[in-house]
Amino acid sequence: MHELSVTKSLIDLVETEARKQGFRKTLEIRLKVGEYSGIVPDYIVDLFPYAAKGTVAEGAALVFESVPASFRCADCGYEGAVERREACCPRCRGTALRMTAGREFFVEELKVE
C-alpha cells in the first residue's frame, strides 16, 4: 500500500512548511488528485489520523479535488476525455493519444493558524 508512504510524505511537507512559515496548526489540506494518479483518497483519509498524530497536521481536514483525465490525439487534434475501455480517440479512432491531465497529485492549499 503506497498510500502510507504518500500520507507520510504529505505530513512531512506540512511540517516543513510549518517550520518555514511559523504556523502551529493545520486546519485544512486541499489536494488535487488525478484520475490516473494511482492514489486512493479513501486510504489516505483512513491513514491520515494515525500518521499525523503529534504533528502540526493532526486534526486537519483533508479535501480532495478530482482531476479528470484528458488526452490529446496526435492524429486529429482532439482534446478531451477518452473511454477507458476503448483507449482510442472518440473522433478519429486513432491511438496516438497523449495524456494532458489526470496524473496529478499535489497540495493545492493549506489553511493554517
PDB file of N, CA and C in Angstrom:
ATOM      1  N   MET A   1       0.836  -1.178   0.000  1.00  0.00           N
ATOM      2  CA  MET A   1       0.000   0.000   0.000  1.00  0.00           C
ATOM      3  C   MET A   1       0.883   1.244   0.000  1.00  0.00           C
ATOM      4  N   HIS A   2       1.021   1.880  -1.139  1.00  0.00           N
ATOM      5  CA  HIS A   2       1.874   3.057  -1.226  1.00  0.00           C
ATOM      6  C   HIS A   2       1.228   4.290  -0.609  1.00  0.00           C
ATOM      7  N   GLU A   3      -0.067   4.228  -0.284  1.00  0.00           N
ATOM      8  CA  GLU A   3      -0.728   5.383   0.315  1.00  0.00           C
ATOM      9  C   GLU A   3      -0.137   5.731   1.677  1.00  0.00           C
ATOM     10  N   LEU A   4       0.410   4.765   2.396  1.00  0.00           N
ATOM     11  CA  LEU A   4       1.037   5.069   3.685  1.00  0.00           C
ATOM     12  C   LEU A   4       2.255   5.960   3.478  1.00  0.00           C
ATOM     13  N   SER A   5       3.106   5.630   2.532  1.00  0.00           N
ATOM     14  CA  SER A   5       4.278   6.472   2.279  1.00  0.00           C
ATOM     15  C   SER A   5       3.856   7.823   1.707  1.00  0.00           C
ATOM     16  N   VAL A   6       2.808   7.851   0.899  1.00  0.00           N
ATOM     17  CA  VAL A   6       2.292   9.111   0.362  1.00  0.00           C
ATOM     18  C   VAL A   6       1.764   9.980   1.510  1.00  0.00           C
ATOM     19  N   THR A   7       1.049   9.358   2.435  1.00  0.00           N
ATOM     20  CA  THR A   7       0.499  10.089   3.579  1.00  0.00           C
ATOM     21  C   THR A   7       1.617  10.640   4.451  1.00  0.00           C
ATOM     22  N   LYS A   8       2.633   9.847   4.692  1.00  0.00           N
ATOM     23  CA  LYS A   8       3.772  10.318   5.489  1.00  0.00           C
ATOM     24  C   LYS A   8       4.488  11.467   4.778  1.00  0.00           C
ATOM     25  N   SER A   9       4.641  11.373   3.476  1.00  0.00           N
ATOM     26  CA  SER A   9       5.279  12.450   2.703  1.00  0.00           C
ATOM     27  C   SER A   9       4.449  13.725   2.758  1.00  0.00           C
ATOM     28  N   LEU A  10       3.146  13.588   2.722  1.00  0.00           N
ATOM     29  CA  LEU A  10       2.246  14.730   2.836  1.00  0.00           C
ATOM     30  C   LEU A  10       2.441  15.433   4.180  1.00  0.00           C
ATOM     31  N   ILE A  11       2.527  14.651   5.236  1.00  0.00           N
ATOM     32  CA  ILE A  11       2.733  15.217   6.573  1.00  0.00           C
ATOM     33  C   ILE A  11       4.112  15.856   6.674  1.00  0.00           C
ATOM     34  N   ASP A  12       5.121  15.229   6.089  1.00  0.00           N
ATOM     35  CA  ASP A  12       6.467  15.824   6.068  1.00  0.00           C
ATOM     36  C   ASP A  12       6.447  17.182   5.379  1.00  0.00           C
ATOM     37  N   LEU A  13       5.707  17.278   4.286  1.00  0.00           N
ATOM     38  CA  LEU A  13       5.594  18.547   3.563  1.00  0.00           C
ATOM     39  C   LEU A  13       4.948  19.619   4.444  1.00  0.00           C
ATOM     40  N   VAL A  14       3.886  19.254   5.145  1.00  0.00           N
ATOM     41  CA  VAL A  14       3.204  20.201   6.028  1.00  0.00           C
ATOM     42  C   VAL A  14       4.140  20.630   7.160  1.00  0.00           C
ATOM     43  N   GLU A  15       4.869  19.690   7.725  1.00  0.00           N
ATOM     44  CA  GLU A  15       5.821  20.009   8.802  1.00  0.00           C
ATOM     45  C   GLU A  15       6.918  20.956   8.299  1.00  0.00           C
ATOM     46  N   THR A  16       7.407  20.726   7.101  1.00  0.00           N
ATOM     47  CA  THR A  16       8.433  21.596   6.517  1.00  0.00           C
ATOM     48  C   THR A  16       7.889  23.008   6.336  1.00  0.00           C
ATOM     49  N   GLU A  17       6.676  23.116   5.814  1.00  0.00           N
ATOM     50  CA  GLU A  17       6.055  24.432   5.633  1.00  0.00           C
ATOM     51  C   GLU A  17       5.814  25.123   6.971  1.00  0.00           C
ATOM     52  N   ALA A  18       5.457  24.365   7.991  1.00  0.00           N
ATOM     53  CA  ALA A  18       5.240  24.940   9.326  1.00  0.00           C
ATOM     54  C   ALA A  18       6.532  25.546   9.867  1.00  0.00           C
ATOM     55  N   ARG A  19       7.641  24.862   9.658  1.00  0.00           N
ATOM     56  CA  ARG A  19       8.932  25.399  10.103  1.00  0.00           C
ATOM     57  C   ARG A  19       9.295  26.663   9.327  1.00  0.00           C
ATOM     58  N   LYS A  20       9.058  26.650   8.013  1.00  0.00           N
ATOM     59  CA  LYS A  20       9.383  27.800   7.168  1.00  0.00           C
ATOM     60  C   LYS A  20       8.506  29.012   7.496  1.00  0.00           C
ATOM     61  N   GLN A  21       7.207  28.764   7.667  1.00  0.00           N
ATOM     62  CA  GLN A  21       6.255  29.863   7.778  1.00  0.00           C
ATOM     63  C   GLN A  21       5.828  30.169   9.215  1.00  0.00           C
ATOM     64  N   GLY A  22       6.188  29.291  10.141  1.00  0.00           N
ATOM     65  CA  GLY A  22       5.921  29.549  11.545  1.00  0.00           C
ATOM     66  C   GLY A  22       4.498  29.302  12.027  1.00  0.00           C
ATOM     67  N   PHE A  23       3.742  28.479  11.347  1.00  0.00           N
ATOM     68  CA  PHE A  23       2.408  28.164  11.871  1.00  0.00           C
ATOM     69  C   PHE A  23       2.472  26.934  12.771  1.00  0.00           C
ATOM     70  N   ARG A  24       1.478  26.802  13.632  1.00  0.00           N
ATOM     71  CA  ARG A  24       1.475  25.717  14.621  1.00  0.00           C
ATOM     72  C   ARG A  24       0.348  24.716  14.435  1.00  0.00           C
ATOM     73  N   LYS A  25      -0.618  25.053  13.609  1.00  0.00           N
ATOM     74  CA  LYS A  25      -1.765  24.164  13.425  1.00  0.00           C
ATOM     75  C   LYS A  25      -2.243  24.240  11.979  1.00  0.00           C
ATOM     76  N   THR A  26      -2.569  23.080  11.430  1.00  0.00           N
ATOM     77  CA  THR A  26      -3.118  22.988  10.081  1.00  0.00           C
ATOM     78  C   THR A  26      -4.603  22.681  10.205  1.00  0.00           C
ATOM     79  N   LEU A  27      -5.410  23.533   9.610  1.00  0.00           N
ATOM     80  CA  LEU A  27      -6.857  23.341   9.675  1.00  0.00           C
ATOM     81  C   LEU A  27      -7.374  22.489   8.525  1.00  0.00           C
ATOM     82  N   GLU A  28      -6.777  22.700   7.350  1.00  0.00           N
ATOM     83  CA  GLU A  28      -7.262  22.004   6.155  1.00  0.00           C
ATOM     84  C   GLU A  28      -6.127  21.826   5.153  1.00  0.00           C
ATOM     85  N   ILE A  29      -6.146  20.681   4.494  1.00  0.00           N
ATOM     86  CA  ILE A  29      -5.195  20.387   3.422  1.00  0.00           C
ATOM     87  C   ILE A  29      -6.020  20.070   2.175  1.00  0.00           C
ATOM     88  N   ARG A  30      -5.860  20.919   1.145  1.00  0.00           N
ATOM     89  CA  ARG A  30      -6.573  20.716  -0.120  1.00  0.00           C
ATOM     90  C   ARG A  30      -5.628  20.036  -1.108  1.00  0.00           C
ATOM     91  N   LEU A  31      -6.081  18.918  -1.636  1.00  0.00           N
ATOM     92  CA  LEU A  31      -5.261  18.107  -2.535  1.00  0.00           C
ATOM     93  C   LEU A  31      -5.942  17.946  -3.887  1.00  0.00           C
ATOM     94  N   LYS A  32      -5.154  17.986  -4.940  1.00  0.00           N
ATOM     95  CA  LYS A  32      -5.647  17.670  -6.284  1.00  0.00           C
ATOM     96  C   LYS A  32      -5.171  16.258  -6.606  1.00  0.00           C
ATOM     97  N   VAL A  33      -6.106  15.425  -7.044  1.00  0.00           N
ATOM     98  CA  VAL A  33      -5.803  14.022  -7.322  1.00  0.00           C
ATOM     99  C   VAL A  33      -6.313  13.661  -8.707  1.00  0.00           C
ATOM    100  N   GLY A  34      -5.395  13.336  -9.597  1.00  0.00           N
ATOM    101  CA  GLY A  34      -5.754  12.956 -10.953  1.00  0.00           C
ATOM    102  C   GLY A  34      -6.385  11.575 -11.013  1.00  0.00           C
ATOM    103  N   GLU A  35      -7.272  11.422 -11.954  1.00  0.00           N
ATOM    104  CA  GLU A  35      -7.985  10.157 -12.176  1.00  0.00           C
ATOM    105  C   GLU A  35      -7.024   8.976 -12.379  1.00  0.00           C
ATOM    106  N   TYR A  36      -5.875   9.231 -13.006  1.00  0.00           N
ATOM    107  CA  TYR A  36      -4.896   8.185 -13.281  1.00  0.00           C
ATOM    108  C   TYR A  36      -3.662   8.301 -12.390  1.00  0.00           C
ATOM    109  N   SER A  37      -3.775   8.960 -11.248  1.00  0.00           N
ATOM    110  CA  SER A  37      -2.627   9.167 -10.365  1.00  0.00           C
ATOM    111  C   SER A  37      -2.227   7.904  -9.604  1.00  0.00           C
ATOM    112  N   GLY A  38      -3.146   6.981  -9.472  1.00  0.00           N
ATOM    113  CA  GLY A  38      -2.875   5.781  -8.686  1.00  0.00           C
ATOM    114  C   GLY A  38      -3.117   5.991  -7.200  1.00  0.00           C
ATOM    115  N   ILE A  39      -3.608   7.156  -6.817  1.00  0.00           N
ATOM    116  CA  ILE A  39      -3.872   7.475  -5.419  1.00  0.00           C
ATOM    117  C   ILE A  39      -5.329   7.147  -5.100  1.00  0.00           C
ATOM    118  N   VAL A  40      -5.545   6.507  -3.943  1.00  0.00           N
ATOM    119  CA  VAL A  40      -6.897   6.205  -3.481  1.00  0.00           C
ATOM    120  C   VAL A  40      -7.179   7.105  -2.274  1.00  0.00           C
ATOM    121  N   PRO A  41      -7.930   8.191  -2.492  1.00  0.00           N
ATOM    122  CA  PRO A  41      -8.176   9.140  -1.406  1.00  0.00           C
ATOM    123  C   PRO A  41      -8.722   8.511  -0.123  1.00  0.00           C
ATOM    124  N   ASP A  42      -9.599   7.527  -0.236  1.00  0.00           N
ATOM    125  CA  ASP A  42     -10.168   6.900   0.969  1.00  0.00           C
ATOM    126  C   ASP A  42      -9.091   6.271   1.847  1.00  0.00           C
ATOM    127  N   TYR A  43      -8.052   5.709   1.239  1.00  0.00           N
ATOM    128  CA  TYR A  43      -6.964   5.122   2.025  1.00  0.00           C
ATOM    129  C   TYR A  43      -6.190   6.205   2.775  1.00  0.00           C
ATOM    130  N   ILE A  44      -5.964   7.335   2.112  1.00  0.00           N
ATOM    131  CA  ILE A  44      -5.254   8.439   2.762  1.00  0.00           C
ATOM    132  C   ILE A  44      -6.085   8.970   3.923  1.00  0.00           C
ATOM    133  N   VAL A  45      -7.394   9.094   3.711  1.00  0.00           N
ATOM    134  CA  VAL A  45      -8.292   9.552   4.784  1.00  0.00           C
ATOM    135  C   VAL A  45      -8.210   8.611   5.979  1.00  0.00           C
ATOM    136  N   ASP A  46      -8.179   7.319   5.728  1.00  0.00           N
ATOM    137  CA  ASP A  46      -8.108   6.330   6.815  1.00  0.00           C
ATOM    138  C   ASP A  46      -6.770   6.371   7.553  1.00  0.00           C
ATOM    139  N   LEU A  47      -5.679   6.559   6.820  1.00  0.00           N
ATOM    140  CA  LEU A  47      -4.340   6.528   7.412  1.00  0.00           C
ATOM    141  C   LEU A  47      -3.931   7.841   8.064  1.00  0.00           C
ATOM    142  N   PHE A  48      -4.486   8.943   7.577  1.00  0.00           N
ATOM    143  CA  PHE A  48      -4.039  10.268   7.991  1.00  0.00           C
ATOM    144  C   PHE A  48      -4.077  10.503   9.509  1.00  0.00           C
ATOM    145  N   PRO A  49      -5.157  10.174  10.212  1.00  0.00           N
ATOM    146  CA  PRO A  49      -5.186  10.458  11.654  1.00  0.00           C
ATOM    147  C   PRO A  49      -4.049   9.788  12.433  1.00  0.00           C
ATOM    148  N   TYR A  50      -3.680   8.594  12.040  1.00  0.00           N
ATOM    149  CA  TYR A  50      -2.602   7.876  12.736  1.00  0.00           C
ATOM    150  C   TYR A  50      -1.237   8.461  12.391  1.00  0.00           C
ATOM    151  N   ALA A  51      -1.044   8.751  11.119  1.00  0.00           N
ATOM    152  CA  ALA A  51       0.246   9.278  10.672  1.00  0.00           C
ATOM    153  C   ALA A  51       0.469  10.712  11.140  1.00  0.00           C
ATOM    154  N   ALA A  52      -0.609  11.483  11.311  1.00  0.00           N
ATOM    155  CA  ALA A  52      -0.492  12.897  11.685  1.00  0.00           C
ATOM    156  C   ALA A  52      -0.433  13.123  13.193  1.00  0.00           C
ATOM    157  N   LYS A  53      -0.671  12.092  13.967  1.00  0.00           N
ATOM    158  CA  LYS A  53      -0.706  12.240  15.431  1.00  0.00           C
ATOM    159  C   LYS A  53       0.598  12.865  15.936  1.00  0.00           C
ATOM    160  N   GLY A  54       0.440  13.940  16.712  1.00  0.00           N
ATOM    161  CA  GLY A  54       1.593  14.609  17.289  1.00  0.00           C
ATOM    162  C   GLY A  54       2.301  15.590  16.358  1.00  0.00           C
ATOM    163  N   THR A  55       1.738  15.852  15.176  1.00  0.00           N
ATOM    164  CA  THR A  55       2.344  16.787  14.219  1.00  0.00           C
ATOM    165  C   THR A  55       1.440  18.013  14.072  1.00  0.00           C
ATOM    166  N   VAL A  56       1.913  19.023  13.361  1.00  0.00           N
ATOM    167  CA  VAL A  56       1.086  20.208  13.108  1.00  0.00           C
ATOM    168  C   VAL A  56      -0.088  19.891  12.183  1.00  0.00           C
ATOM    169  N   ALA A  57      -0.085  18.731  11.580  1.00  0.00           N
ATOM    170  CA  ALA A  57      -1.178  18.317  10.700  1.00  0.00           C
ATOM    171  C   ALA A  57      -2.286  17.573  11.454  1.00  0.00           C
ATOM    172  N   GLU A  58      -2.040  17.239  12.707  1.00  0.00           N
ATOM    173  CA  GLU A  58      -3.037  16.483  13.476  1.00  0.00           C
ATOM    174  C   GLU A  58      -4.358  17.248  13.512  1.00  0.00           C
ATOM    175  N   GLY A  59      -5.438  16.553  13.180  1.00  0.00           N
ATOM    176  CA  GLY A  59      -6.768  17.144  13.205  1.00  0.00           C
ATOM    177  C   GLY A  59      -7.157  17.910  11.956  1.00  0.00           C
ATOM    178  N   ALA A  60      -6.261  18.037  11.005  1.00  0.00           N
ATOM    179  CA  ALA A  60      -6.566  18.778   9.778  1.00  0.00           C
ATOM    180  C   ALA A  60      -7.605  18.033   8.945  1.00  0.00           C
ATOM    181  N   ALA A  61      -8.452  18.791   8.293  1.00  0.00           N
ATOM    182  CA  ALA A  61      -9.414  18.213   7.357  1.00  0.00           C
ATOM    183  C   ALA A  61      -8.721  18.018   6.017  1.00  0.00           C
ATOM    184  N   LEU A  62      -9.010  16.898   5.372  1.00  0.00           N
ATOM    185  CA  LEU A  62      -8.482  16.631   4.036  1.00  0.00           C
ATOM    186  C   LEU A  62      -9.595  16.875   3.029  1.00  0.00           C
ATOM    187  N   VAL A  63      -9.296  17.686   2.029  1.00  0.00           N
ATOM    188  CA  VAL A  63     -10.268  17.980   0.976  1.00  0.00           C
ATOM    189  C   VAL A  63      -9.627  17.587  -0.349  1.00  0.00           C
ATOM    190  N   PHE A  64     -10.281  16.677  -1.055  1.00  0.00           N
ATOM    191  CA  PHE A  64      -9.755  16.170  -2.318  1.00  0.00           C
ATOM    192  C   PHE A  64     -10.541  16.752  -3.487  1.00  0.00           C
ATOM    193  N   GLU A  65      -9.820  17.210  -4.491  1.00  0.00           N
ATOM    194  CA  GLU A  65     -10.441  17.639  -5.735  1.00  0.00           C
ATOM    195  C   GLU A  65      -9.961  16.696  -6.823  1.00  0.00           C
ATOM    196  N   SER A  66     -10.902  16.046  -7.464  1.00  0.00           N
ATOM    197  CA  SER A  66     -10.574  15.093  -8.515  1.00  0.00           C
ATOM    198  C   SER A  66     -10.268  15.825  -9.822  1.00  0.00           C
ATOM    199  N   VAL A  67      -9.217  15.379 -10.505  1.00  0.00           N
ATOM    200  CA  VAL A  67      -8.847  15.935 -11.808  1.00  0.00           C
ATOM    201  C   VAL A  67      -9.103  14.850 -12.849  1.00  0.00           C
ATOM    202  N   PRO A  68     -10.103  15.060 -13.705  1.00  0.00           N
ATOM    203  CA  PRO A  68     -10.398  14.042 -14.714  1.00  0.00           C
ATOM    204  C   PRO A  68      -9.276  13.937 -15.740  1.00  0.00           C
ATOM    205  N   ALA A  69      -9.152  12.765 -16.303  1.00  0.00           N
ATOM    206  CA  ALA A  69      -8.139  12.549 -17.345  1.00  0.00           C
ATOM    207  C   ALA A  69      -8.555  13.265 -18.625  1.00  0.00           C
ATOM    208  N   SER A  70      -7.557  13.809 -19.294  1.00  0.00           N
ATOM    209  CA  SER A  70      -7.772  14.465 -20.576  1.00  0.00           C
ATOM    210  C   SER A  70      -6.638  14.051 -21.507  1.00  0.00           C
ATOM    211  N   PHE A  71      -6.956  13.899 -22.768  1.00  0.00           N
ATOM    212  CA  PHE A  71      -5.990  13.416 -23.748  1.00  0.00           C
ATOM    213  C   PHE A  71      -5.975  14.314 -24.975  1.00  0.00           C
ATOM    214  N   ARG A  72      -4.879  14.263 -25.710  1.00  0.00           N
ATOM    215  CA  ARG A  72      -4.757  14.944 -26.999  1.00  0.00           C
ATOM    216  C   ARG A  72      -4.384  13.895 -28.037  1.00  0.00           C
ATOM    217  N   CYS A  73      -5.124  13.906 -29.134  1.00  0.00           N
ATOM    218  CA  CYS A  73      -4.879  12.971 -30.227  1.00  0.00           C
ATOM    219  C   CYS A  73      -3.910  13.607 -31.224  1.00  0.00           C
ATOM    220  N   ALA A  74      -2.800  12.938 -31.485  1.00  0.00           N
ATOM    221  CA  ALA A  74      -1.810  13.443 -32.433  1.00  0.00           C
ATOM    222  C   ALA A  74      -2.298  13.337 -33.881  1.00  0.00           C
ATOM    223  N   ASP A  75      -3.274  12.483 -34.108  1.00  0.00           N
ATOM    224  CA  ASP A  75      -3.778  12.293 -35.469  1.00  0.00           C
ATOM    225  C   ASP A  75      -4.744  13.391 -35.909  1.00  0.00           C
ATOM    226  N   CYS A  76      -5.688  13.771 -35.047  1.00  0.00           N
ATOM    227  CA  CYS A  76      -6.719  14.731 -35.464  1.00  0.00           C
ATOM    228  C   CYS A  76      -6.783  15.986 -34.596  1.00  0.00           C
ATOM    229  N   GLY A  77      -6.043  16.015 -33.486  1.00  0.00           N
ATOM    230  CA  GLY A  77      -6.024  17.190 -32.634  1.00  0.00           C
ATOM    231  C   GLY A  77      -7.103  17.237 -31.568  1.00  0.00           C
ATOM    232  N   TYR A  78      -7.936  16.199 -31.493  1.00  0.00           N
ATOM    233  CA  TYR A  78      -8.970  16.147 -30.459  1.00  0.00           C
ATOM    234  C   TYR A  78      -8.340  16.317 -29.079  1.00  0.00           C
ATOM    235  N   GLU A  79      -9.017  17.056 -28.204  1.00  0.00           N
ATOM    236  CA  GLU A  79      -8.597  17.174 -26.810  1.00  0.00           C
ATOM    237  C   GLU A  79      -9.798  16.934 -25.930  1.00  0.00           C
ATOM    238  N   GLY A  80      -9.650  16.013 -24.988  1.00  0.00           N
ATOM    239  CA  GLY A  80     -10.750  15.739 -24.066  1.00  0.00           C
ATOM    240  C   GLY A  80     -10.680  14.334 -23.511  1.00  0.00           C
ATOM    241  N   ALA A  81     -11.819  13.885 -23.030  1.00  0.00           N
ATOM    242  CA  ALA A  81     -11.921  12.576 -22.384  1.00  0.00           C
ATOM    243  C   ALA A  81     -11.886  11.452 -23.419  1.00  0.00           C
ATOM    244  N   VAL A  82     -11.453  10.298 -22.947  1.00  0.00           N
ATOM    245  CA  VAL A  82     -11.394   9.093 -23.766  1.00  0.00           C
ATOM    246  C   VAL A  82     -11.955   7.951 -22.922  1.00  0.00           C
ATOM    247  N   GLU A  83     -12.775   7.137 -23.541  1.00  0.00           N
ATOM    248  CA  GLU A  83     -13.322   5.974 -22.835  1.00  0.00           C
ATOM    249  C   GLU A  83     -12.202   5.004 -22.485  1.00  0.00           C
ATOM    250  N   ARG A  84     -12.147   4.606 -21.232  1.00  0.00           N
ATOM    251  CA  ARG A  84     -11.086   3.684 -20.782  1.00  0.00           C
ATOM    252  C   ARG A  84     -11.092   2.373 -21.564  1.00  0.00           C
ATOM    253  N   ARG A  85     -12.249   1.836 -21.790  1.00  0.00           N
ATOM    254  CA  ARG A  85     -12.344   0.524 -22.466  1.00  0.00           C
ATOM    255  C   ARG A  85     -11.821   0.564 -23.891  1.00  0.00           C
ATOM    256  N   GLU A  86     -12.033   1.686 -24.552  1.00  0.00           N
ATOM    257  CA  GLU A  86     -11.673   1.762 -25.964  1.00  0.00           C
ATOM    258  C   GLU A  86     -10.240   2.228 -26.187  1.00  0.00           C
ATOM    259  N   ALA A  87      -9.740   3.106 -25.339  1.00  0.00           N
ATOM    260  CA  ALA A  87      -8.370   3.624 -25.422  1.00  0.00           C
ATOM    261  C   ALA A  87      -8.015   4.130 -26.824  1.00  0.00           C
ATOM    262  N   CYS A  88      -8.974   4.818 -27.437  1.00  0.00           N
ATOM    263  CA  CYS A  88      -8.709   5.436 -28.732  1.00  0.00           C
ATOM    264  C   CYS A  88      -9.473   6.756 -28.811  1.00  0.00           C
ATOM    265  N   CYS A  89      -9.106   7.563 -29.763  1.00  0.00           N
ATOM    266  CA  CYS A  89      -9.731   8.868 -29.948  1.00  0.00           C
ATOM    267  C   CYS A  89     -11.206   8.691 -30.308  1.00  0.00           C
ATOM    268  N   PRO A  90     -12.101   9.377 -29.606  1.00  0.00           N
ATOM    269  CA  PRO A  90     -13.520   9.228 -29.935  1.00  0.00           C
ATOM    270  C   PRO A  90     -13.910   9.888 -31.263  1.00  0.00           C
ATOM    271  N   ARG A  91     -13.047  10.755 -31.779  1.00  0.00           N
ATOM    272  CA  ARG A  91     -13.344  11.434 -33.041  1.00  0.00           C
ATOM    273  C   ARG A  91     -12.845  10.631 -34.240  1.00  0.00           C
ATOM    274  N   CYS A  92     -11.542  10.248 -34.242  1.00  0.00           N
ATOM    275  CA  CYS A  92     -10.974   9.597 -35.438  1.00  0.00           C
ATOM    276  C   CYS A  92     -10.616   8.125 -35.202  1.00  0.00           C
ATOM    277  N   ARG A  93     -10.779   7.673 -33.968  1.00  0.00           N
ATOM    278  CA  ARG A  93     -10.468   6.282 -33.568  1.00  0.00           C
ATOM    279  C   ARG A  93      -8.974   6.003 -33.560  1.00  0.00           C
ATOM    280  N   GLY A  94      -8.148   7.036 -33.692  1.00  0.00           N
ATOM    281  CA  GLY A  94      -6.695   6.875 -33.642  1.00  0.00           C
ATOM    282  C   GLY A  94      -6.219   6.515 -32.241  1.00  0.00           C
ATOM    283  N   THR A  95      -5.033   5.950 -32.176  1.00  0.00           N
ATOM    284  CA  THR A  95      -4.477   5.536 -30.884  1.00  0.00           C
ATOM    285  C   THR A  95      -3.240   6.351 -30.488  1.00  0.00           C
ATOM    286  N   ALA A  96      -2.943   7.406 -31.214  1.00  0.00           N
ATOM    287  CA  ALA A  96      -1.786   8.248 -30.903  1.00  0.00           C
ATOM    288  C   ALA A  96      -2.202   9.303 -29.876  1.00  0.00           C
ATOM    289  N   LEU A  97      -2.514   8.842 -28.675  1.00  0.00           N
ATOM    290  CA  LEU A  97      -3.012   9.710 -27.619  1.00  0.00           C
ATOM    291  C   LEU A  97      -1.913  10.049 -26.622  1.00  0.00           C
ATOM    292  N   ARG A  98      -1.949  11.294 -26.144  1.00  0.00           N
ATOM    293  CA  ARG A  98      -1.030  11.724 -25.088  1.00  0.00           C
ATOM    294  C   ARG A  98      -1.881  12.306 -23.965  1.00  0.00           C
ATOM    295  N   MET A  99      -1.646  11.837 -22.740  1.00  0.00           N
ATOM    296  CA  MET A  99      -2.394  12.336 -21.596  1.00  0.00           C
ATOM    297  C   MET A  99      -1.915  13.750 -21.258  1.00  0.00           C
ATOM    298  N   THR A 100      -2.857  14.673 -21.147  1.00  0.00           N
ATOM    299  CA  THR A 100      -2.519  16.058 -20.817  1.00  0.00           C
ATOM    300  C   THR A 100      -2.944  16.435 -19.404  1.00  0.00           C
ATOM    301  N   ALA A 101      -3.782  15.646 -18.786  1.00  0.00           N
ATOM    302  CA  ALA A 101      -4.204  15.852 -17.393  1.00  0.00           C
ATOM    303  C   ALA A 101      -4.697  14.529 -16.845  1.00  0.00           C
ATOM    304  N   GLY A 102      -4.581  14.374 -15.529  1.00  0.00           N
ATOM    305  CA  GLY A 102      -5.119  13.173 -14.895  1.00  0.00           C
ATOM    306  C   GLY A 102      -4.118  12.390 -14.070  1.00  0.00           C
ATOM    307  N   ARG A 103      -2.836  12.784 -14.093  1.00  0.00           N
ATOM    308  CA  ARG A 103      -1.833  12.093 -13.278  1.00  0.00           C
ATOM    309  C   ARG A 103      -1.444  12.896 -12.034  1.00  0.00           C
ATOM    310  N   GLU A 104      -2.052  14.053 -11.863  1.00  0.00           N
ATOM    311  CA  GLU A 104      -1.674  14.968 -10.801  1.00  0.00           C
ATOM    312  C   GLU A 104      -1.884  14.383  -9.398  1.00  0.00           C
ATOM    313  N   PHE A 105      -1.028  14.779  -8.512  1.00  0.00           N
ATOM    314  CA  PHE A 105      -1.241  14.597  -7.078  1.00  0.00           C
ATOM    315  C   PHE A 105      -0.381  15.646  -6.392  1.00  0.00           C
ATOM    316  N   PHE A 106      -1.025  16.665  -5.869  1.00  0.00           N
ATOM    317  CA  PHE A 106      -0.284  17.722  -5.199  1.00  0.00           C
ATOM    318  C   PHE A 106      -1.156  18.470  -4.203  1.00  0.00           C
ATOM    319  N   VAL A 107      -0.486  19.185  -3.291  1.00  0.00           N
ATOM    320  CA  VAL A 107      -1.185  20.027  -2.334  1.00  0.00           C
ATOM    321  C   VAL A 107      -1.510  21.341  -3.037  1.00  0.00           C
ATOM    322  N   GLU A 108      -2.769  21.648  -3.089  1.00  0.00           N
ATOM    323  CA  GLU A 108      -3.250  22.879  -3.718  1.00  0.00           C
ATOM    324  C   GLU A 108      -3.189  24.039  -2.719  1.00  0.00           C
ATOM    325  N   GLU A 109      -3.539  23.747  -1.459  1.00  0.00           N
ATOM    326  CA  GLU A 109      -3.624  24.826  -0.479  1.00  0.00           C
ATOM    327  C   GLU A 109      -3.583  24.260   0.939  1.00  0.00           C
ATOM    328  N   LEU A 110      -2.988  25.009   1.843  1.00  0.00           N
ATOM    329  CA  LEU A 110      -3.012  24.715   3.278  1.00  0.00           C
ATOM    330  C   LEU A 110      -3.739  25.848   3.977  1.00  0.00           C
ATOM    331  N   LYS A 111      -4.675  25.516   4.830  1.00  0.00           N
ATOM    332  CA  LYS A 111      -5.302  26.506   5.704  1.00  0.00           C
ATOM    333  C   LYS A 111      -4.706  26.269   7.079  1.00  0.00           C
ATOM    334  N   VAL A 112      -4.126  27.319   7.626  1.00  0.00           N
ATOM    335  CA  VAL A 112      -3.374  27.177   8.879  1.00  0.00           C
ATOM    336  C   VAL A 112      -3.712  28.302   9.847  1.00  0.00           C
ATOM    337  N   GLU A 113      -3.294  28.134  11.083  1.00  0.00           N
ATOM    338  CA  GLU A 113      -3.369  29.227  12.046  1.00  0.00           C
ATOM    339  C   GLU A 113      -2.111  29.249  12.882  1.00  0.00           C
TER     340      GLU A 113
END
